[in-house]
PDB file of N, CA and C in Angstrom:
ATOM      1  N   UNK A   1     -18.442  -3.672   7.193  1.00  0.00           N
ATOM      2  CA  UNK A   1     -17.225  -4.121   6.771  1.00  0.00           C
ATOM      3  C   UNK A   1     -16.219  -3.491   7.844  1.00  0.00           C
ATOM      4  N   UNK A   2     -14.981  -4.120   8.232  1.00  0.00           N
ATOM      5  CA  UNK A   2     -14.072  -3.635   9.201  1.00  0.00           C
ATOM      6  C   UNK A   2     -12.748  -3.444   8.459  1.00  0.00           C
ATOM      7  N   UNK A   3     -11.985  -2.780   8.943  1.00  0.00           N
ATOM      8  CA  UNK A   3     -10.790  -2.405   8.454  1.00  0.00           C
ATOM      9  C   UNK A   3      -9.806  -3.698   7.962  1.00  0.00           C
ATOM     10  N   UNK A   4      -9.892  -4.559   8.774  1.00  0.00           N
ATOM     11  CA  UNK A   4      -9.281  -5.991   8.226  1.00  0.00           C
ATOM     12  C   UNK A   4      -9.901  -6.329   7.077  1.00  0.00           C
ATOM     13  N   UNK A   5     -11.324  -6.388   7.074  1.00  0.00           N
ATOM     14  CA  UNK A   5     -12.027  -7.025   5.729  1.00  0.00           C
ATOM     15  C   UNK A   5     -11.781  -6.141   4.376  1.00  0.00           C
ATOM     16  N   UNK A   6     -11.709  -4.801   4.749  1.00  0.00           N
ATOM     17  CA  UNK A   6     -11.396  -3.869   3.732  1.00  0.00           C
ATOM     18  C   UNK A   6      -9.963  -4.199   3.243  1.00  0.00           C
ATOM     19  N   UNK A   7      -9.045  -4.347   3.961  1.00  0.00           N
ATOM     20  CA  UNK A   7      -7.745  -4.712   3.381  1.00  0.00           C
ATOM     21  C   UNK A   7      -7.535  -5.995   2.738  1.00  0.00           C
ATOM     22  N   UNK A   8      -8.306  -6.984   3.318  1.00  0.00           N
ATOM     23  CA  UNK A   8      -8.286  -8.264   2.670  1.00  0.00           C
ATOM     24  C   UNK A   8      -8.812  -8.028   1.135  1.00  0.00           C
ATOM     25  N   UNK A   9      -9.833  -7.080   0.821  1.00  0.00           N
ATOM     26  CA  UNK A   9     -10.378  -7.137  -0.369  1.00  0.00           C
ATOM     27  C   UNK A   9      -9.814  -5.858  -1.284  1.00  0.00           C
ATOM     28  N   UNK A  10      -8.701  -5.430  -0.781  1.00  0.00           N
ATOM     29  CA  UNK A  10      -8.158  -4.355  -1.649  1.00  0.00           C
ATOM     30  C   UNK A  10      -7.692  -4.576  -2.894  1.00  0.00           C
ATOM     31  N   UNK A  11      -7.016  -5.675  -2.983  1.00  0.00           N
ATOM     32  CA  UNK A  11      -6.702  -6.220  -4.431  1.00  0.00           C
ATOM     33  C   UNK A  11      -7.936  -6.218  -5.215  1.00  0.00           C
ATOM     34  N   UNK A  12      -8.810  -7.082  -4.768  1.00  0.00           N
ATOM     35  CA  UNK A  12     -10.340  -7.188  -5.687  1.00  0.00           C
ATOM     36  C   UNK A  12     -11.039  -5.680  -5.821  1.00  0.00           C
ATOM     37  N   UNK A  13     -10.743  -4.925  -5.222  1.00  0.00           N
ATOM     38  CA  UNK A  13     -11.317  -3.491  -5.096  1.00  0.00           C
ATOM     39  C   UNK A  13     -10.827  -2.695  -6.177  1.00  0.00           C
ATOM     40  N   UNK A  14      -9.237  -2.756  -6.229  1.00  0.00           N
ATOM     41  CA  UNK A  14      -8.536  -2.237  -7.221  1.00  0.00           C
ATOM     42  C   UNK A  14      -8.560  -2.549  -8.554  1.00  0.00           C
ATOM     43  N   UNK A  15      -9.123  -3.745  -8.446  1.00  0.00           N
ATOM     44  CA  UNK A  15      -9.103  -4.498  -9.980  1.00  0.00           C
ATOM     45  C   UNK A  15     -10.360  -3.693 -10.832  1.00  0.00           C
ATOM     46  N   UNK A  16     -10.057  -3.389 -12.121  1.00  0.00           N
ATOM     47  CA  UNK A  16     -11.061  -2.779 -12.893  1.00  0.00           C
ATOM     48  C   UNK A  16     -12.137  -3.632 -13.236  1.00  0.00           C
ATOM     49  N   UNK A  17     -11.929  -4.771 -12.748  1.00  0.00           N
ATOM     50  CA  UNK A  17     -13.254  -5.838 -13.228  1.00  0.00           C
ATOM     51  C   UNK A  17     -13.883  -6.156 -11.695  1.00  0.00           C
ATOM     52  N   UNK A  18     -13.859  -5.209 -10.578  1.00  0.00           N
ATOM     53  CA  UNK A  18     -14.277  -5.627  -9.448  1.00  0.00           C
ATOM     54  C   UNK A  18     -15.944  -5.638  -9.472  1.00  0.00           C
ATOM     55  N   UNK A  19     -16.363  -6.648  -8.622  1.00  0.00           N
ATOM     56  CA  UNK A  19     -18.023  -6.498  -8.539  1.00  0.00           C
ATOM     57  C   UNK A  19     -18.542  -4.996  -7.630  1.00  0.00           C
ATOM     58  N   UNK A  20     -19.413  -4.867  -8.298  1.00  0.00           N
ATOM     59  CA  UNK A  20     -20.065  -3.379  -8.086  1.00  0.00           C
ATOM     60  C   UNK A  20     -20.434  -3.312  -6.552  1.00  0.00           C
ATOM     61  N   UNK A  21     -20.946  -4.591  -6.031  1.00  0.00           N
ATOM     62  CA  UNK A  21     -21.482  -4.849  -4.843  1.00  0.00           C
ATOM     63  C   UNK A  21     -20.596  -4.563  -3.435  1.00  0.00           C
ATOM     64  N   UNK A  22     -19.194  -5.311  -4.143  1.00  0.00           N
ATOM     65  CA  UNK A  22     -18.030  -5.105  -3.238  1.00  0.00           C
ATOM     66  C   UNK A  22     -17.336  -3.520  -3.405  1.00  0.00           C
ATOM     67  N   UNK A  23     -17.451  -2.883  -4.594  1.00  0.00           N
ATOM     68  CA  UNK A  23     -16.929  -1.689  -4.458  1.00  0.00           C
ATOM     69  C   UNK A  23     -17.875  -0.642  -3.674  1.00  0.00           C
ATOM     70  N   UNK A  24     -19.254  -0.912  -3.776  1.00  0.00           N
ATOM     71  CA  UNK A  24     -20.249  -0.081  -2.657  1.00  0.00           C
ATOM     72  C   UNK A  24     -19.848  -0.195  -1.409  1.00  0.00           C
ATOM     73  N   UNK A  25     -19.493  -1.355  -0.974  1.00  0.00           N
ATOM     74  CA  UNK A  25     -19.494  -1.926   0.528  1.00  0.00           C
ATOM     75  C   UNK A  25     -18.074  -1.220   0.781  1.00  0.00           C
ATOM     76  N   UNK A  26     -17.162  -1.528   0.032  1.00  0.00           N
ATOM     77  CA  UNK A  26     -15.732  -0.642   0.243  1.00  0.00           C
ATOM     78  C   UNK A  26     -15.951   0.614   0.552  1.00  0.00           C
ATOM     79  N   UNK A  27     -16.307   1.299  -0.532  1.00  0.00           N
ATOM     80  CA  UNK A  27     -16.522   2.763  -0.795  1.00  0.00           C
ATOM     81  C   UNK A  27     -17.482   3.398   0.538  1.00  0.00           C
ATOM     82  N   UNK A  28     -18.457   2.627   1.217  1.00  0.00           N
ATOM     83  CA  UNK A  28     -18.758   3.257   2.346  1.00  0.00           C
ATOM     84  C   UNK A  28     -18.072   3.005   3.506  1.00  0.00           C
ATOM     85  N   UNK A  29     -17.436   1.907   3.391  1.00  0.00           N
ATOM     86  CA  UNK A  29     -16.345   1.926   4.451  1.00  0.00           C
ATOM     87  C   UNK A  29     -15.205   3.097   4.461  1.00  0.00           C
ATOM     88  N   UNK A  30     -14.678   3.286   3.399  1.00  0.00           N
ATOM     89  CA  UNK A  30     -13.737   4.278   3.096  1.00  0.00           C
ATOM     90  C   UNK A  30     -14.173   5.895   3.497  1.00  0.00           C
ATOM     91  N   UNK A  31     -15.587   5.948   3.094  1.00  0.00           N
ATOM     92  CA  UNK A  31     -16.053   7.440   3.452  1.00  0.00           C
ATOM     93  C   UNK A  31     -16.137   7.533   5.033  1.00  0.00           C
ATOM     94  N   UNK A  32     -15.777   6.539   5.645  1.00  0.00           N
ATOM     95  CA  UNK A  32     -16.216   6.969   7.218  1.00  0.00           C
ATOM     96  C   UNK A  32     -14.650   6.492   8.093  1.00  0.00           C
ATOM     97  N   UNK A  33     -13.520   5.721   7.162  1.00  0.00           N
ATOM     98  CA  UNK A  33     -12.388   5.455   7.790  1.00  0.00           C
ATOM     99  C   UNK A  33     -11.323   6.227   7.361  1.00  0.00           C
ATOM    100  N   UNK A  34     -10.704   7.012   7.720  1.00  0.00           N
ATOM    101  CA  UNK A  34      -9.674   7.866   7.443  1.00  0.00           C
ATOM    102  C   UNK A  34      -8.511   6.957   7.123  1.00  0.00           C
ATOM    103  N   UNK A  35      -8.124   6.013   8.044  1.00  0.00           N
ATOM    104  CA  UNK A  35      -6.750   5.203   8.177  1.00  0.00           C
ATOM    105  C   UNK A  35      -6.843   4.066   6.841  1.00  0.00           C
ATOM    106  N   UNK A  36      -7.856   3.595   6.312  1.00  0.00           N
ATOM    107  CA  UNK A  36      -8.260   2.911   4.902  1.00  0.00           C
ATOM    108  C   UNK A  36      -8.116   3.805   3.870  1.00  0.00           C
ATOM    109  N   UNK A  37      -8.682   4.919   3.991  1.00  0.00           N
ATOM    110  CA  UNK A  37      -8.507   5.856   2.968  1.00  0.00           C
ATOM    111  C   UNK A  37      -6.969   5.960   2.285  1.00  0.00           C
ATOM    112  N   UNK A  38      -6.407   6.563   3.528  1.00  0.00           N
ATOM    113  CA  UNK A  38      -4.961   6.477   3.545  1.00  0.00           C
ATOM    114  C   UNK A  38      -4.088   5.430   2.751  1.00  0.00           C
ATOM    115  N   UNK A  39      -4.670   4.237   3.447  1.00  0.00           N
ATOM    116  CA  UNK A  39      -3.946   3.046   2.906  1.00  0.00           C
ATOM    117  C   UNK A  39      -4.299   2.615   1.494  1.00  0.00           C
ATOM    118  N   UNK A  40      -5.522   2.786   1.052  1.00  0.00           N
ATOM    119  CA  UNK A  40      -6.097   2.483  -0.513  1.00  0.00           C
ATOM    120  C   UNK A  40      -5.165   3.712  -1.434  1.00  0.00           C
ATOM    121  N   UNK A  41      -5.400   4.975  -0.921  1.00  0.00           N
ATOM    122  CA  UNK A  41      -4.747   5.938  -1.615  1.00  0.00           C
ATOM    123  C   UNK A  41      -3.018   5.698  -2.049  1.00  0.00           C
ATOM    124  N   UNK A  42      -2.534   4.862  -0.684  1.00  0.00           N
ATOM    125  CA  UNK A  42      -1.058   4.586  -0.965  1.00  0.00           C
ATOM    126  C   UNK A  42      -0.915   3.585  -1.988  1.00  0.00           C
ATOM    127  N   UNK A  43      -1.600   2.591  -1.708  1.00  0.00           N
ATOM    128  CA  UNK A  43      -1.806   1.340  -3.132  1.00  0.00           C
ATOM    129  C   UNK A  43      -1.680   2.143  -4.357  1.00  0.00           C
ATOM    130  N   UNK A  44      -2.882   2.723  -4.706  1.00  0.00           N
ATOM    131  CA  UNK A  44      -3.216   3.256  -5.922  1.00  0.00           C
ATOM    132  C   UNK A  44      -2.064   4.115  -6.375  1.00  0.00           C
ATOM    133  N   UNK A  45      -1.440   5.087  -5.503  1.00  0.00           N
ATOM    134  CA  UNK A  45      -0.203   5.506  -5.811  1.00  0.00           C
ATOM    135  C   UNK A  45       0.999   4.732  -6.140  1.00  0.00           C
ATOM    136  N   UNK A  46       1.122   3.627  -5.304  1.00  0.00           N
ATOM    137  CA  UNK A  46       2.312   2.868  -5.633  1.00  0.00           C
ATOM    138  C   UNK A  46       2.060   2.115  -6.975  1.00  0.00           C
ATOM    139  N   UNK A  47       0.888   1.770  -7.187  1.00  0.00           N
ATOM    140  CA  UNK A  47       0.538   0.909  -8.415  1.00  0.00           C
ATOM    141  C   UNK A  47       0.846   1.990  -9.929  1.00  0.00           C
ATOM    142  N   UNK A  48       0.417   3.129  -9.775  1.00  0.00           N
ATOM    143  CA  UNK A  48       0.742   4.138 -10.850  1.00  0.00           C
ATOM    144  C   UNK A  48       2.095   4.222 -11.020  1.00  0.00           C
ATOM    145  N   UNK A  49       2.853   4.343  -9.846  1.00  0.00           N
ATOM    146  CA  UNK A  49       4.415   4.425  -9.853  1.00  0.00           C
ATOM    147  C   UNK A  49       5.018   3.210 -10.664  1.00  0.00           C
ATOM    148  N   UNK A  50       4.339   2.070 -10.308  1.00  0.00           N
ATOM    149  CA  UNK A  50       5.052   0.570 -10.852  1.00  0.00           C
ATOM    150  C   UNK A  50       4.598   0.804 -12.047  1.00  0.00           C
ATOM    151  N   UNK A  51       3.651   1.189 -12.768  1.00  0.00           N
ATOM    152  CA  UNK A  51       3.058   0.773 -14.172  1.00  0.00           C
ATOM    153  C   UNK A  51       3.854   2.142 -15.009  1.00  0.00           C
ATOM    154  N   UNK A  52       4.247   3.138 -14.320  1.00  0.00           N
ATOM    155  CA  UNK A  52       4.428   4.331 -15.221  1.00  0.00           C
ATOM    156  C   UNK A  52       5.818   3.875 -15.959  1.00  0.00           C
ATOM    157  N   UNK A  53       6.021   4.236 -17.081  1.00  0.00           N
ATOM    158  CA  UNK A  53       7.357   4.160 -17.970  1.00  0.00           C
ATOM    159  C   UNK A  53       8.353   4.973 -17.342  1.00  0.00           C
ATOM    160  N   UNK A  54       8.314   6.237 -16.704  1.00  0.00           N
ATOM    161  CA  UNK A  54       9.057   6.968 -16.400  1.00  0.00           C
ATOM    162  C   UNK A  54       9.910   6.488 -15.192  1.00  0.00           C
ATOM    163  N   UNK A  55      10.913   6.765 -15.209  1.00  0.00           N
ATOM    164  CA  UNK A  55      11.994   6.465 -14.024  1.00  0.00           C
ATOM    165  C   UNK A  55      11.652   7.567 -13.103  1.00  0.00           C
ATOM    166  N   UNK A  56      11.746   7.177 -11.807  1.00  0.00           N
ATOM    167  CA  UNK A  56      11.463   7.958 -10.654  1.00  0.00           C
ATOM    168  C   UNK A  56      13.020   8.111  -9.945  1.00  0.00           C
ATOM    169  N   UNK A  57      13.654   9.300 -10.081  1.00  0.00           N
ATOM    170  CA  UNK A  57      15.025   8.987  -9.375  1.00  0.00           C
ATOM    171  C   UNK A  57      14.563   9.556  -7.828  1.00  0.00           C
ATOM    172  N   UNK A  58      15.425   8.846  -7.064  1.00  0.00           N
ATOM    173  CA  UNK A  58      15.303   8.873  -5.588  1.00  0.00           C
ATOM    174  C   UNK A  58      16.489   9.696  -5.032  1.00  0.00           C
ATOM    175  N   UNK A  59      16.239  10.875  -4.322  1.00  0.00           N
ATOM    176  CA  UNK A  59      17.567  11.577  -3.745  1.00  0.00           C
ATOM    177  C   UNK A  59      18.363  10.447  -3.074  1.00  0.00           C
ATOM    178  N   UNK A  60      19.710  10.961  -3.157  1.00  0.00           N
ATOM    179  CA  UNK A  60      20.642   9.805  -2.657  1.00  0.00           C
ATOM    180  C   UNK A  60      20.674   9.819  -1.056  1.00  0.00           C
ATOM    181  N   UNK A  61      20.182  10.799  -0.388  1.00  0.00           N
ATOM    182  CA  UNK A  61      20.025  10.798   1.105  1.00  0.00           C
ATOM    183  C   UNK A  61      19.040   9.926   1.768  1.00  0.00           C
ATOM    184  N   UNK A  62      17.697   9.630   0.598  1.00  0.00           N
ATOM    185  CA  UNK A  62      16.760   8.933   1.111  1.00  0.00           C
ATOM    186  C   UNK A  62      17.091   7.403   0.820  1.00  0.00           C
ATOM    187  N   UNK A  63      17.940   7.193  -0.381  1.00  0.00           N
ATOM    188  CA  UNK A  63      18.377   5.865  -0.688  1.00  0.00           C
ATOM    189  C   UNK A  63      19.363   5.365   0.195  1.00  0.00           C
ATOM    190  N   UNK A  64      20.189   6.258   1.065  1.00  0.00           N
ATOM    191  CA  UNK A  64      21.146   5.973   2.195  1.00  0.00           C
ATOM    192  C   UNK A  64      20.499   5.772   3.493  1.00  0.00           C
ATOM    193  N   UNK A  65      19.254   6.588   3.419  1.00  0.00           N
ATOM    194  CA  UNK A  65      18.444   6.103   4.602  1.00  0.00           C
ATOM    195  C   UNK A  65      17.842   4.897   4.627  1.00  0.00           C
ATOM    196  N   UNK A  66      17.401   4.562   3.583  1.00  0.00           N
ATOM    197  CA  UNK A  66      16.693   3.238   3.499  1.00  0.00           C
ATOM    198  C   UNK A  66      17.753   1.978   3.597  1.00  0.00           C
ATOM    199  N   UNK A  67      18.820   2.337   2.972  1.00  0.00           N
ATOM    200  CA  UNK A  67      19.913   1.204   3.218  1.00  0.00           C
ATOM    201  C   UNK A  67      20.153   1.175   4.653  1.00  0.00           C
ATOM    202  N   UNK A  68      20.201   1.942   5.384  1.00  0.00           N
ATOM    203  CA  UNK A  68      20.588   1.735   6.731  1.00  0.00           C
ATOM    204  C   UNK A  68      19.453   1.263   7.459  1.00  0.00           C
ATOM    205  N   UNK A  69      18.444   1.758   7.379  1.00  0.00           N
ATOM    206  CA  UNK A  69      17.201   1.070   7.959  1.00  0.00           C
ATOM    207  C   UNK A  69      17.012  -0.446   7.635  1.00  0.00           C
ATOM    208  N   UNK A  70      16.887  -0.809   6.254  1.00  0.00           N
ATOM    209  CA  UNK A  70      16.740  -2.172   5.977  1.00  0.00           C
ATOM    210  C   UNK A  70      18.079  -3.253   6.598  1.00  0.00           C
ATOM    211  N   UNK A  71      19.372  -2.536   6.827  1.00  0.00           N
ATOM    212  CA  UNK A  71      20.265  -3.415   7.263  1.00  0.00           C
ATOM    213  C   UNK A  71      20.107  -3.580   8.644  1.00  0.00           C
ATOM    214  N   UNK A  72      19.525  -2.560   9.413  1.00  0.00           N
ATOM    215  CA  UNK A  72      19.578  -2.707  10.812  1.00  0.00           C
ATOM    216  C   UNK A  72      18.320  -3.558  10.948  1.00  0.00           C
ATOM    217  N   UNK A  73      17.122  -3.835  10.003  1.00  0.00           N
ATOM    218  CA  UNK A  73      16.127  -4.651  10.177  1.00  0.00           C
ATOM    219  C   UNK A  73      16.544  -5.932   9.955  1.00  0.00           C
ATOM    220  N   UNK A  74      17.399  -6.369   8.905  1.00  0.00           N
ATOM    221  CA  UNK A  74      17.955  -7.424   8.346  1.00  0.00           C
ATOM    222  C   UNK A  74      18.743  -8.208   9.865  1.00  0.00           C
ATOM    223  N   UNK A  75      19.375  -7.183  10.143  1.00  0.00           N
ATOM    224  CA  UNK A  75      20.523  -7.779  11.358  1.00  0.00           C
ATOM    225  C   UNK A  75      19.540  -8.022  12.555  1.00  0.00           C
ATOM    226  N   UNK A  76      18.499  -7.343  12.871  1.00  0.00           N
ATOM    227  CA  UNK A  76      17.736  -7.659  14.153  1.00  0.00           C
ATOM    228  C   UNK A  76      16.906  -9.082  13.773  1.00  0.00           C
ATOM    229  N   UNK A  77      16.449  -8.995  12.318  1.00  0.00           N
ATOM    230  CA  UNK A  77      15.705 -10.363  12.072  1.00  0.00           C
ATOM    231  C   UNK A  77      16.578 -11.662  12.470  1.00  0.00           C
ATOM    232  N   UNK A  78      17.661 -11.620  11.965  1.00  0.00           N
ATOM    233  CA  UNK A  78      18.717 -12.684  12.004  1.00  0.00           C
ATOM    234  C   UNK A  78      18.999 -12.790  13.297  1.00  0.00           C
ATOM    235  N   UNK A  79      19.277 -11.875  14.165  1.00  0.00           N
ATOM    236  CA  UNK A  79      19.445 -12.098  15.767  1.00  0.00           C
ATOM    237  C   UNK A  79      18.471 -12.713  16.413  1.00  0.00           C
ATOM    238  N   UNK A  80      17.002 -12.606  16.107  1.00  0.00           N
ATOM    239  CA  UNK A  80      16.118 -13.229  16.661  1.00  0.00           C
ATOM    240  C   UNK A  80      15.706 -14.730  16.071  1.00  0.00           C
ATOM    241  N   UNK A  81      16.349 -15.160  14.930  1.00  0.00           N
ATOM    242  CA  UNK A  81      16.190 -16.538  14.437  1.00  0.00           C
ATOM    243  C   UNK A  81      17.122 -17.270  15.219  1.00  0.00           C
TER     244      UNK A  81
END
């Protein structure tokens, strides 16, 4: 299984009802691919944060930086249309 195939199957892999054979194949790939390990770990953490009932306070400087980056990206996307 290559990285693209792993990423295409991530949702199924992270599903608690995933097929055992799919899990084995993906886990074998993850054991050898650091990039996919990072991707899966990031997705797992995102799911945990999304499902948690506690609010996560984002520092103001990060919120502002995100606003600037998104504004720039939207303007660039509009200029290419």
